[in-house]
Protein backbone atom coordinates (compact mmCIF):
# COMPACT_ATOMS: atom_id res chain seq x y z
CA UNK A 1 46.25 136.51 274.22
CA UNK A 2 44.33 135.17 271.26
CA UNK A 3 43.65 131.41 271.17
CA UNK A 4 45.81 129.40 268.86
CA UNK A 5 44.12 128.70 265.57
CA UNK A 6 44.90 125.01 265.60
CA UNK A 7 44.64 121.72 267.40
CA UNK A 8 47.21 118.93 267.52
CA UNK A 9 46.77 115.26 268.33
CA UNK A 10 48.79 114.10 271.34
CA UNK A 11 49.75 110.65 270.07
CA UNK A 12 53.55 110.15 270.03
CA UNK A 13 54.70 107.47 272.51
CA UNK A 14 58.13 106.64 273.93
CA UNK A 15 59.24 104.59 270.92
CA UNK A 16 58.09 107.29 268.51
CA UNK A 17 60.09 109.93 270.37
CA UNK A 18 63.25 107.84 270.44
CA UNK A 19 63.22 106.74 266.79
CA UNK A 20 62.37 110.25 265.59
CA UNK A 21 65.32 111.81 267.44
CA UNK A 22 67.76 108.97 266.69
CA UNK A 23 66.63 108.75 263.07
CA UNK A 24 67.22 112.47 262.63
CA UNK A 25 70.84 112.10 263.76
CA UNK A 26 71.64 108.99 261.71
CA UNK A 27 71.65 110.03 258.10
CA UNK A 28 73.94 108.98 255.27
CA UNK A 29 77.22 110.12 256.85
CA UNK A 30 78.01 106.80 258.52
CA UNK A 31 78.22 105.17 255.06
CA UNK A 32 80.10 107.83 253.08
CA UNK A 33 82.23 109.63 255.68
CA UNK A 34 83.71 106.86 257.86
CA UNK A 35 86.74 106.37 255.60
CA UNK A 36 87.61 110.06 255.61
CA UNK A 37 87.33 110.19 259.40
CA UNK A 38 89.65 107.18 259.79
CA UNK A 39 92.19 108.67 257.40
CA UNK A 40 92.15 111.96 259.28
CA UNK A 41 92.17 110.79 262.91
CA UNK A 42 92.43 106.99 262.93
CA UNK A 43 89.90 104.46 264.18
CA UNK A 44 90.26 105.06 267.91
CA UNK A 45 90.95 108.73 267.24
CA UNK A 46 87.62 109.04 265.42
CA UNK A 47 85.84 107.30 268.27
CA UNK A 48 87.37 109.80 270.69
CA UNK A 49 86.39 112.61 268.33
CA UNK A 50 82.75 111.55 268.29
CA UNK A 51 82.81 111.23 272.05
CA UNK A 52 84.06 114.83 272.25
CA UNK A 53 81.45 115.95 269.71
CA UNK A 54 78.80 114.09 271.69
CA UNK A 55 79.87 115.91 274.86
CA UNK A 56 79.44 119.24 273.07
CA UNK A 57 75.93 118.28 272.01
CA UNK A 58 75.20 116.69 275.41
CA UNK A 59 75.41 120.04 277.21
CA UNK A 60 73.12 121.67 274.65
CA UNK A 61 70.83 118.65 274.96
CA UNK A 62 70.58 119.18 278.73
CA UNK A 63 69.35 122.73 278.11
CA UNK A 64 66.79 121.45 275.61
CA UNK A 65 65.69 118.64 277.95
CA UNK A 66 64.93 121.00 280.82
CA UNK A 67 63.26 123.68 278.70
CA UNK A 68 61.17 121.18 276.72
CA UNK A 69 59.66 119.65 279.87
CA UNK A 70 59.11 123.11 281.38
CA UNK A 71 57.40 124.44 278.24
CA UNK A 72 55.99 121.45 276.29
CA UNK A 73 54.64 123.45 273.36
CA UNK A 74 55.21 123.01 269.64
CA UNK A 75 57.95 125.30 268.47
CA UNK A 76 60.73 124.29 270.86
CA UNK A 77 63.47 126.88 270.44
CA UNK A 78 60.93 129.53 269.49
CA UNK A 79 59.03 129.08 272.74
CA UNK A 80 62.16 129.01 274.91
CA UNK A 81 63.79 132.09 273.43
CA UNK A 82 60.56 134.08 273.39
CA UNK A 83 60.13 133.58 277.12
CA UNK A 84 63.76 134.43 277.77
CA UNK A 85 64.47 137.23 275.30
CA UNK A 86 61.14 138.36 273.86
CA UNK A 87 59.92 138.36 270.26
CA UNK A 88 63.07 139.70 268.57
CA UNK A 89 65.37 137.09 270.10
CA UNK A 90 62.76 134.44 269.41
CA UNK A 91 62.45 135.46 265.76
CA UNK A 92 66.22 135.33 265.18
CA UNK A 93 66.58 131.92 266.81
CA UNK A 94 63.56 130.32 265.14
CA UNK A 95 64.31 131.75 261.71
CA UNK A 96 67.81 130.27 262.01
CA UNK A 97 66.54 126.82 263.04
CA UNK A 98 64.04 126.80 260.16
CA UNK A 99 66.91 127.33 257.71
CA UNK A 100 68.71 124.36 259.28
CA UNK A 101 65.65 122.13 258.94
CA UNK A 102 64.86 123.16 255.37
CA UNK A 103 68.52 122.81 254.43
CA UNK A 104 68.62 119.20 255.62
CA UNK A 105 65.33 118.37 253.88
CA UNK A 106 66.62 119.77 250.58
CA UNK A 107 69.96 118.01 250.90
CA UNK A 108 68.37 114.64 251.69
CA UNK A 109 65.98 115.03 248.76
CA UNK A 110 69.04 115.35 246.54
CA UNK A 111 71.02 112.57 248.25
CA UNK A 112 68.46 109.80 247.80
CA UNK A 113 68.50 109.54 243.97
CA UNK A 114 72.27 110.09 243.99
CA UNK A 115 72.67 107.01 246.18
CA UNK A 116 70.36 104.90 244.03
CA UNK A 117 72.86 105.10 241.20
CA UNK A 118 75.39 103.25 243.40
CA UNK A 119 72.98 100.31 243.53
CA UNK A 120 71.81 100.64 239.94
CA UNK A 121 74.69 102.10 237.87
CA UNK A 122 72.45 102.46 234.80
CA UNK A 123 69.81 104.37 236.76
CA UNK A 124 70.64 107.78 235.25
CA UNK A 125 68.74 108.36 232.01
CA UNK A 126 67.70 111.44 230.06
CA UNK A 127 70.45 114.03 230.55
CA UNK A 128 68.93 117.51 230.99
CA UNK A 129 71.63 120.04 232.00
CA UNK A 130 74.64 120.65 234.27
CA UNK A 131 74.84 122.94 237.31
CA UNK A 132 78.29 123.69 238.82
CA UNK A 133 79.66 120.46 237.37
CA UNK A 134 76.74 118.30 238.55
CA UNK A 135 74.79 116.56 235.76
CA UNK A 136 71.03 116.46 236.22
CA UNK A 137 69.09 113.62 234.63
CA UNK A 138 65.37 113.13 234.14
CA UNK A 139 65.26 109.85 236.12
CA UNK A 140 67.19 111.52 238.97
CA UNK A 141 64.68 114.37 239.12
CA UNK A 142 61.58 112.18 238.83
CA UNK A 143 62.60 109.83 241.66
CA UNK A 144 63.52 112.72 243.97
CA UNK A 145 60.28 114.60 243.26
CA UNK A 146 58.09 111.51 243.74
CA UNK A 147 59.74 110.67 247.08
CA UNK A 148 59.50 114.32 248.21
CA UNK A 149 55.77 114.33 247.46
CA UNK A 150 55.33 110.98 249.23
CA UNK A 151 57.12 112.07 252.42
CA UNK A 152 55.20 115.35 252.47
CA UNK A 153 51.92 113.47 252.09
CA UNK A 154 52.82 111.03 254.88
CA UNK A 155 53.55 113.94 257.20
CA UNK A 156 50.29 115.66 256.27
CA UNK A 157 48.42 112.46 257.15
CA UNK A 158 49.72 112.84 260.68
CA UNK A 159 52.77 112.74 262.88
CA UNK A 160 51.84 109.20 263.90
CA UNK A 161 52.01 108.05 260.28
CA UNK A 162 55.38 109.77 259.93
CA UNK A 163 56.54 108.12 263.17
CA UNK A 164 55.52 104.69 261.89
CA UNK A 165 57.62 105.22 258.76
CA UNK A 166 60.44 106.44 261.00
CA UNK A 167 60.23 103.35 263.19
CA UNK A 168 60.45 100.89 260.28
CA UNK A 169 63.39 102.72 258.68
CA UNK A 170 65.27 103.24 261.96
CA UNK A 171 64.95 99.56 262.82
CA UNK A 172 66.35 98.76 259.36
CA UNK A 173 69.35 101.03 259.98
CA UNK A 174 69.93 99.47 263.40
CA UNK A 175 69.75 95.92 262.00
CA UNK A 176 72.20 96.72 259.18
CA UNK A 177 74.56 98.42 261.64
CA UNK A 178 74.40 95.47 264.06
CA UNK A 179 75.10 93.04 261.21
CA UNK A 180 78.16 95.08 260.20
CA UNK A 181 79.52 95.20 263.76
CA UNK A 182 78.83 91.50 264.36
CA UNK A 183 80.42 90.26 261.11
CA UNK A 184 83.41 92.54 261.73
CA UNK A 185 83.91 90.96 265.16
CA UNK A 186 83.73 87.48 263.56
CA UNK A 187 85.60 87.90 260.27
CA UNK A 188 87.65 91.01 261.01
CA UNK A 189 91.24 90.99 262.25
CA UNK A 190 92.90 93.12 264.89
CA UNK A 191 95.96 93.38 262.63
CA UNK A 192 93.88 95.60 260.34
CA UNK A 193 94.07 98.26 263.04
CA UNK A 194 97.86 98.47 262.73
CA UNK A 195 98.82 101.94 261.60
CA UNK A 196 95.30 103.33 261.84
CA UNK A 197 94.49 103.51 265.54
CA UNK A 198 95.58 107.15 265.54
CA UNK A 199 96.97 109.47 262.87
CA UNK A 200 99.90 111.73 263.68
CA UNK A 201 103.62 111.71 264.34
CA UNK A 202 103.44 112.88 267.94
CA UNK A 203 100.94 113.58 270.70
CA UNK A 204 100.34 117.14 269.49
CA UNK A 205 99.56 116.16 265.90
CA UNK A 206 97.39 113.23 267.06
CA UNK A 207 95.39 115.57 269.30
CA UNK A 208 95.05 118.10 266.47
CA UNK A 209 93.73 115.43 264.08
CA UNK A 210 91.24 114.15 266.66
CA UNK A 211 90.04 117.71 267.23
CA UNK A 212 89.58 118.25 263.48
CA UNK A 213 87.10 115.35 263.38
CA UNK A 214 85.56 116.38 266.71
CA UNK A 215 84.76 119.75 265.10
CA UNK A 216 82.55 118.14 262.46
CA UNK A 217 81.14 115.36 264.67
CA UNK A 218 78.40 117.57 266.20
CA UNK A 219 77.08 118.32 262.71
CA UNK A 220 76.31 114.61 262.33
CA UNK A 221 74.51 114.67 265.70
CA UNK A 222 72.14 117.54 264.96
CA UNK A 223 68.49 116.55 264.95
CA UNK A 224 67.52 115.67 268.51
CA UNK A 225 65.83 119.07 268.70
CA UNK A 226 63.01 117.94 266.41
CA UNK A 227 61.45 116.47 269.57
CA UNK A 228 60.90 119.86 271.26
CA UNK A 229 59.35 121.09 268.01
CA UNK A 230 56.62 118.45 268.27
CA UNK A 231 56.24 118.59 272.07
CA UNK A 232 52.47 119.19 271.96
CA UNK A 233 52.01 115.91 270.07
CA UNK A 234 53.97 113.78 272.55
CA UNK A 235 52.15 111.58 275.04
CA UNK A 236 55.07 110.80 277.36
CA UNK A 237 55.64 111.86 281.02
CA UNK A 238 57.64 115.08 280.90
CA UNK A 239 60.51 113.90 283.11
CA UNK A 240 60.89 110.82 280.95
CA UNK A 241 60.84 112.98 277.81
CA UNK A 242 63.93 114.85 279.01
CA UNK A 243 65.75 111.57 279.64
CA UNK A 244 64.78 110.24 276.19
CA UNK A 245 66.22 113.32 274.53
CA UNK A 246 69.59 112.82 276.24
CA UNK A 247 69.54 109.07 275.62
CA UNK A 248 68.99 109.58 271.89
CA UNK A 249 72.23 111.61 271.73
CA UNK A 250 74.17 108.88 273.54
CA UNK A 251 72.70 106.26 271.23
CA UNK A 252 73.77 108.17 268.10
CA UNK A 253 77.33 108.64 269.42
CA UNK A 254 77.55 104.90 270.17
CA UNK A 255 76.25 104.03 266.70
CA UNK A 256 78.83 106.16 264.89
CA UNK A 257 81.63 104.86 267.13
CA UNK A 258 80.77 101.21 266.58
CA UNK A 259 80.48 101.65 262.81
CA UNK A 260 83.94 103.24 262.63
CA UNK A 261 85.41 100.46 264.80
CA UNK A 262 83.79 97.79 262.59
CA UNK A 263 85.22 99.37 259.44
CA UNK A 264 88.71 99.64 260.92
CA UNK A 265 88.60 96.09 262.26
CA UNK A 266 87.47 94.79 258.89
CA UNK A 267 89.74 96.77 256.51
CA UNK A 268 93.40 97.66 256.76
CA UNK A 269 94.80 101.12 256.01
CA UNK A 270 95.57 100.36 252.35
CA UNK A 271 92.07 98.99 251.76
CA UNK A 272 90.50 102.06 253.38
CA UNK A 273 92.61 104.36 251.19
CA UNK A 274 91.69 102.39 248.06
CA UNK A 275 87.99 102.52 248.96
CA UNK A 276 88.06 106.27 249.64
CA UNK A 277 89.65 106.96 246.25
CA UNK A 278 87.33 104.44 244.56
CA UNK A 279 83.62 104.27 245.39
CA UNK A 280 83.97 106.46 248.48
CA UNK A 281 81.53 104.14 250.25
CA UNK A 282 84.05 102.70 252.71
CA UNK A 283 81.45 101.26 255.08
CA UNK A 284 79.73 99.44 252.21
CA UNK A 285 83.08 98.15 250.92
CA UNK A 286 83.88 96.86 254.42
CA UNK A 287 80.58 94.99 254.45
CA UNK A 288 81.33 93.48 251.03
CA UNK A 289 84.79 92.33 252.14
CA UNK A 290 83.64 90.86 255.44
CA UNK A 291 80.86 88.87 253.78
CA UNK A 292 82.83 88.35 250.56
CA UNK A 293 79.69 89.47 248.76
CA UNK A 294 78.88 92.55 246.67
CA UNK A 295 75.21 91.98 247.47
CA UNK A 296 75.85 92.73 251.17
CA UNK A 297 77.39 96.06 250.20
CA UNK A 298 74.15 96.99 248.47
CA UNK A 299 72.17 95.90 251.52
CA UNK A 300 74.24 98.26 253.66
CA UNK A 301 73.68 101.05 251.14
CA UNK A 302 69.94 100.42 251.47
CA UNK A 303 70.40 100.89 255.22
CA UNK A 304 72.10 104.19 254.44
CA UNK A 305 69.19 105.18 252.21
CA UNK A 306 66.89 104.54 255.16
CA UNK A 307 69.08 106.97 257.11
CA UNK A 308 68.51 109.60 254.45
CA UNK A 309 64.75 109.20 254.73
CA UNK A 310 64.73 109.20 258.56
CA UNK A 311 66.63 112.51 258.63
CA UNK A 312 64.41 113.89 255.88
CA UNK A 313 61.25 112.83 257.72
CA UNK A 314 62.39 114.13 261.12
CA UNK A 315 63.33 117.53 259.80
CA UNK A 316 60.02 117.80 257.95
CA UNK A 317 58.35 117.35 261.34
CA UNK A 318 60.63 119.86 263.04
CA UNK A 319 60.56 122.49 260.30
CA UNK A 320 56.78 122.48 259.90
CA UNK A 321 56.23 122.84 263.67
CA UNK A 322 58.72 125.71 263.85
CA UNK A 323 56.91 127.51 261.02
CA UNK A 324 53.58 126.88 262.73
CA UNK A 325 54.89 128.27 266.02
CA UNK A 326 56.11 131.46 264.32
CA UNK A 327 52.77 131.82 262.54
CA UNK A 328 50.97 131.37 265.88
CA UNK A 329 52.84 134.43 267.11
CA UNK A 330 52.18 136.42 263.91
CA UNK A 331 55.90 136.53 263.10
CA UNK A 332 55.21 135.11 259.64
CA UNK A 333 51.86 135.02 257.79
CA UNK A 334 49.30 133.63 260.24
CA UNK A 335 47.88 131.23 257.66
CA UNK A 336 50.75 128.80 258.37
CA UNK A 337 49.39 128.22 261.88
CA UNK A 338 46.34 126.43 260.49
CA UNK A 339 46.04 122.66 260.83
CA UNK A 340 44.35 120.16 258.54
CA UNK A 341 40.69 119.67 259.47
CA UNK A 342 41.02 115.88 259.42
CA UNK A 343 44.64 115.06 260.21
CA UNK A 344 45.36 117.93 262.64
CA UNK A 345 48.76 118.63 261.07
CA UNK A 346 50.27 121.95 259.90
CA UNK A 347 49.61 121.00 256.28
CA UNK A 348 50.37 124.41 254.76
CA UNK A 349 53.76 124.56 256.48
CA UNK A 350 54.49 121.00 255.31
CA UNK A 351 53.46 121.82 251.74
CA UNK A 352 55.75 124.88 251.79
CA UNK A 353 58.77 122.84 252.93
CA UNK A 354 57.94 120.04 250.49
CA UNK A 355 57.67 122.54 247.64
CA UNK A 356 61.00 124.18 248.53
CA UNK A 357 62.70 120.77 248.58
CA UNK A 358 61.35 120.00 245.10
CA UNK A 359 62.40 123.39 243.70
CA UNK A 360 65.89 123.00 245.19
CA UNK A 361 66.45 119.78 243.22
CA UNK A 362 66.65 121.71 239.96
CA UNK A 363 69.80 123.50 241.20
CA UNK A 364 71.89 120.33 241.63
CA UNK A 365 73.95 118.83 244.41
CA UNK A 366 76.67 121.50 244.68
CA UNK A 367 74.13 124.20 245.45
CA UNK A 368 72.54 121.94 248.05
CA UNK A 369 75.89 121.34 249.74
CA UNK A 370 76.16 125.11 250.15
CA UNK A 371 72.65 125.24 251.59
CA UNK A 372 73.38 122.36 253.98
CA UNK A 373 76.56 124.02 255.30
CA UNK A 374 74.72 127.32 255.78
CA UNK A 375 72.02 125.37 257.58
CA UNK A 376 74.57 123.84 259.97
CA UNK A 377 75.84 127.31 260.89
CA UNK A 378 72.26 128.46 261.47
CA UNK A 379 71.67 125.45 263.71
CA UNK A 380 74.69 126.37 265.86
CA UNK A 381 73.32 129.90 266.28
CA UNK A 382 69.98 128.51 267.39
CA UNK A 383 71.61 126.08 269.83
CA UNK A 384 73.64 128.91 271.35
CA UNK A 385 70.53 131.06 271.83
CA UNK A 386 68.61 128.17 273.42
CA UNK A 387 71.55 127.57 275.77
CA UNK A 388 71.53 131.25 276.75
CA UNK A 389 67.76 131.00 277.31
CA UNK A 390 68.34 128.07 279.66
CA UNK A 391 70.67 130.18 281.82
CA UNK A 392 68.56 133.35 281.65
CA UNK A 393 65.34 131.58 282.64
CA UNK A 394 67.04 129.93 285.61
CA UNK A 395 67.90 133.43 286.83
CA UNK A 396 64.74 135.19 285.65
CA UNK A 397 62.22 132.49 286.65
CA UNK A 398 63.83 130.25 289.27
CA UNK A 399 60.46 128.91 290.42
CA UNK A 400 59.25 127.79 287.01
CA UNK A 401 58.09 124.13 287.20
CA UNK A 402 60.82 121.99 285.64
CA UNK A 403 59.88 118.28 285.51
CA UNK A 404 63.36 117.48 284.20
CA UNK A 405 65.66 119.77 286.20
CA UNK A 406 69.35 119.90 285.34
CA UNK A 407 71.73 119.92 288.30
CA UNK A 408 74.55 122.48 288.52
CA UNK A 409 72.84 124.71 285.98
CA UNK A 410 75.61 127.34 286.07
CA UNK A 411 78.32 124.91 284.98
CA UNK A 412 76.13 123.05 282.48
CA UNK A 413 74.69 126.27 281.12
CA UNK A 414 78.13 127.83 280.73
CA UNK A 415 79.39 124.74 278.89
CA UNK A 416 76.36 124.71 276.58
CA UNK A 417 76.75 128.39 275.69
CA UNK A 418 80.54 128.23 275.34
CA UNK A 419 80.64 125.08 273.20
CA UNK A 420 77.79 126.05 270.89
CA UNK A 421 79.27 129.53 270.58
CA UNK A 422 82.65 127.96 269.81
CA UNK A 423 81.07 126.01 266.95
CA UNK A 424 79.55 129.22 265.55
CA UNK A 425 82.96 130.91 265.56
CA UNK A 426 84.59 127.92 263.86
CA UNK A 427 82.30 128.44 260.86
CA UNK A 428 83.59 131.97 260.43
CA UNK A 429 87.32 131.57 261.15
CA UNK A 430 89.48 130.51 258.19
CA UNK A 431 91.29 127.18 258.25
CA UNK A 432 89.06 125.38 260.75
CA UNK A 433 87.90 122.67 258.35
CA UNK A 434 84.31 123.88 258.44
CA UNK A 435 84.75 127.53 257.38
CA UNK A 436 81.84 128.80 255.31
CA UNK A 437 82.58 129.63 251.68
CA UNK A 438 81.54 132.91 250.08
CA UNK A 439 78.54 131.16 248.48
CA UNK A 440 77.43 129.78 251.82
CA UNK A 441 77.75 133.16 253.52
CA UNK A 442 75.65 134.69 250.72
CA UNK A 443 72.96 132.03 251.23
CA UNK A 444 72.92 132.64 254.97
CA UNK A 445 72.86 136.41 254.44
CA UNK A 446 70.02 136.08 251.95
CA UNK A 447 68.01 134.04 254.43
CA UNK A 448 68.64 136.71 257.08
CA UNK A 449 67.41 139.44 254.72
CA UNK A 450 64.23 137.46 253.96
CA UNK A 451 63.71 137.14 257.72
CA UNK A 452 64.06 140.90 258.22
CA UNK A 453 61.50 141.52 255.45
CA UNK A 454 59.07 139.05 257.04
CA UNK A 455 59.53 140.64 260.45
CA UNK A 456 58.95 144.19 259.20
CA UNK A 457 55.94 143.29 257.05
CA UNK A 458 54.30 141.19 259.79
CA UNK A 459 55.00 143.86 262.42
CA UNK A 460 53.23 146.44 260.22
CA UNK A 461 50.37 144.09 259.31
CA UNK A 462 49.67 142.51 262.69
CA UNK A 463 50.87 145.39 264.89
CA UNK A 464 50.54 144.46 268.57
CA UNK A 465 49.92 140.79 267.79
CA UNK A 466 53.50 140.37 266.53
CA UNK A 467 55.34 138.06 268.92
CA UNK A 468 52.28 137.42 271.08
């Protein structure tokens, strides 16, 4: 096989790995979605829901943990599925995960300037046009484009530089979250929980409401898989790497659960309802009430903005490494496998993702919501294929060295495949709460068609090198 046309620096340590995975999972949802979750399932119900969602992701995470330590190469899912199912299976899985990464990057690029207007109401200046009911302003575009260029540049400078940014922002999120939980414990009141522990008239309806939140909980926990994508740049003992991956999932579940509990302990049901119908930023409103200060609400929103950037940054890392891995195997134009002569990063892949995120901004937030939902479906497909690879490789290559070896692989593998497959089906069945719209199906279908074109063209151009 031909030598890879690149070289990567092996410089990510334990802290870098943990904050990159955790930061990817903690975006903006904990600020804007907590009120909706509480209204749908209750405070304790939402905590149970995230525990269930975490269990779903946990089984998939076990598969990733074992496969990552067995095959510590950049590309993650691409590497696993290629060894298990060959180039066709690998192409499908990796092309799907790239859509999920690019979708998150585009959505976060749009979210950041949208959030700024909550802090600075007069931020929007220079109306340009409207797309699907979303008004686009010059200041909105300029801020988003500048930040997109900045994050792309930081990633080109090296994964260590990106990890340093990630560390600062993740610590900020953690501090803001801890402050919220602490002040809620001090100034909150258990009476606020009356009527909002669970939602439902009987056990059946309560369970149904919990399940409805549990269905969307995994979508807020996606992101741990950016670690396998950058495996060649990680300088951590392989067995420890597997444990870190699982720990990052547990940490994210705990974070979401504590935030929801803090909100419910600090605001009663009427206040939550009023906040949802008002600003929509229930977590920020809880912070303002508990401190009796509007300034503290803005501080929490800043913490949420950090969450946007950590997700954005993590998925830039993951997406660029997935593109590089496909280019290494001649599945897409080989030029994307090249690394920067000085920084040793896949700069062309990073520039491509950065450019797509900038272009997407001109289509407005509604379009990006469609892309993000399509991306979540694509991520579930990829997770299911990785889970199947985990089982197949245990049977096909039982003697493969596995520094982090999962016990009871049949049970864990079955659960990973079944639960990730269940999530895929939920996107397609009507009435599940996460059913894809026609627009989202068209976006996903369009991405699939582009993938087929790439595969055919590269197969003709590179012939026997395709998938090698």
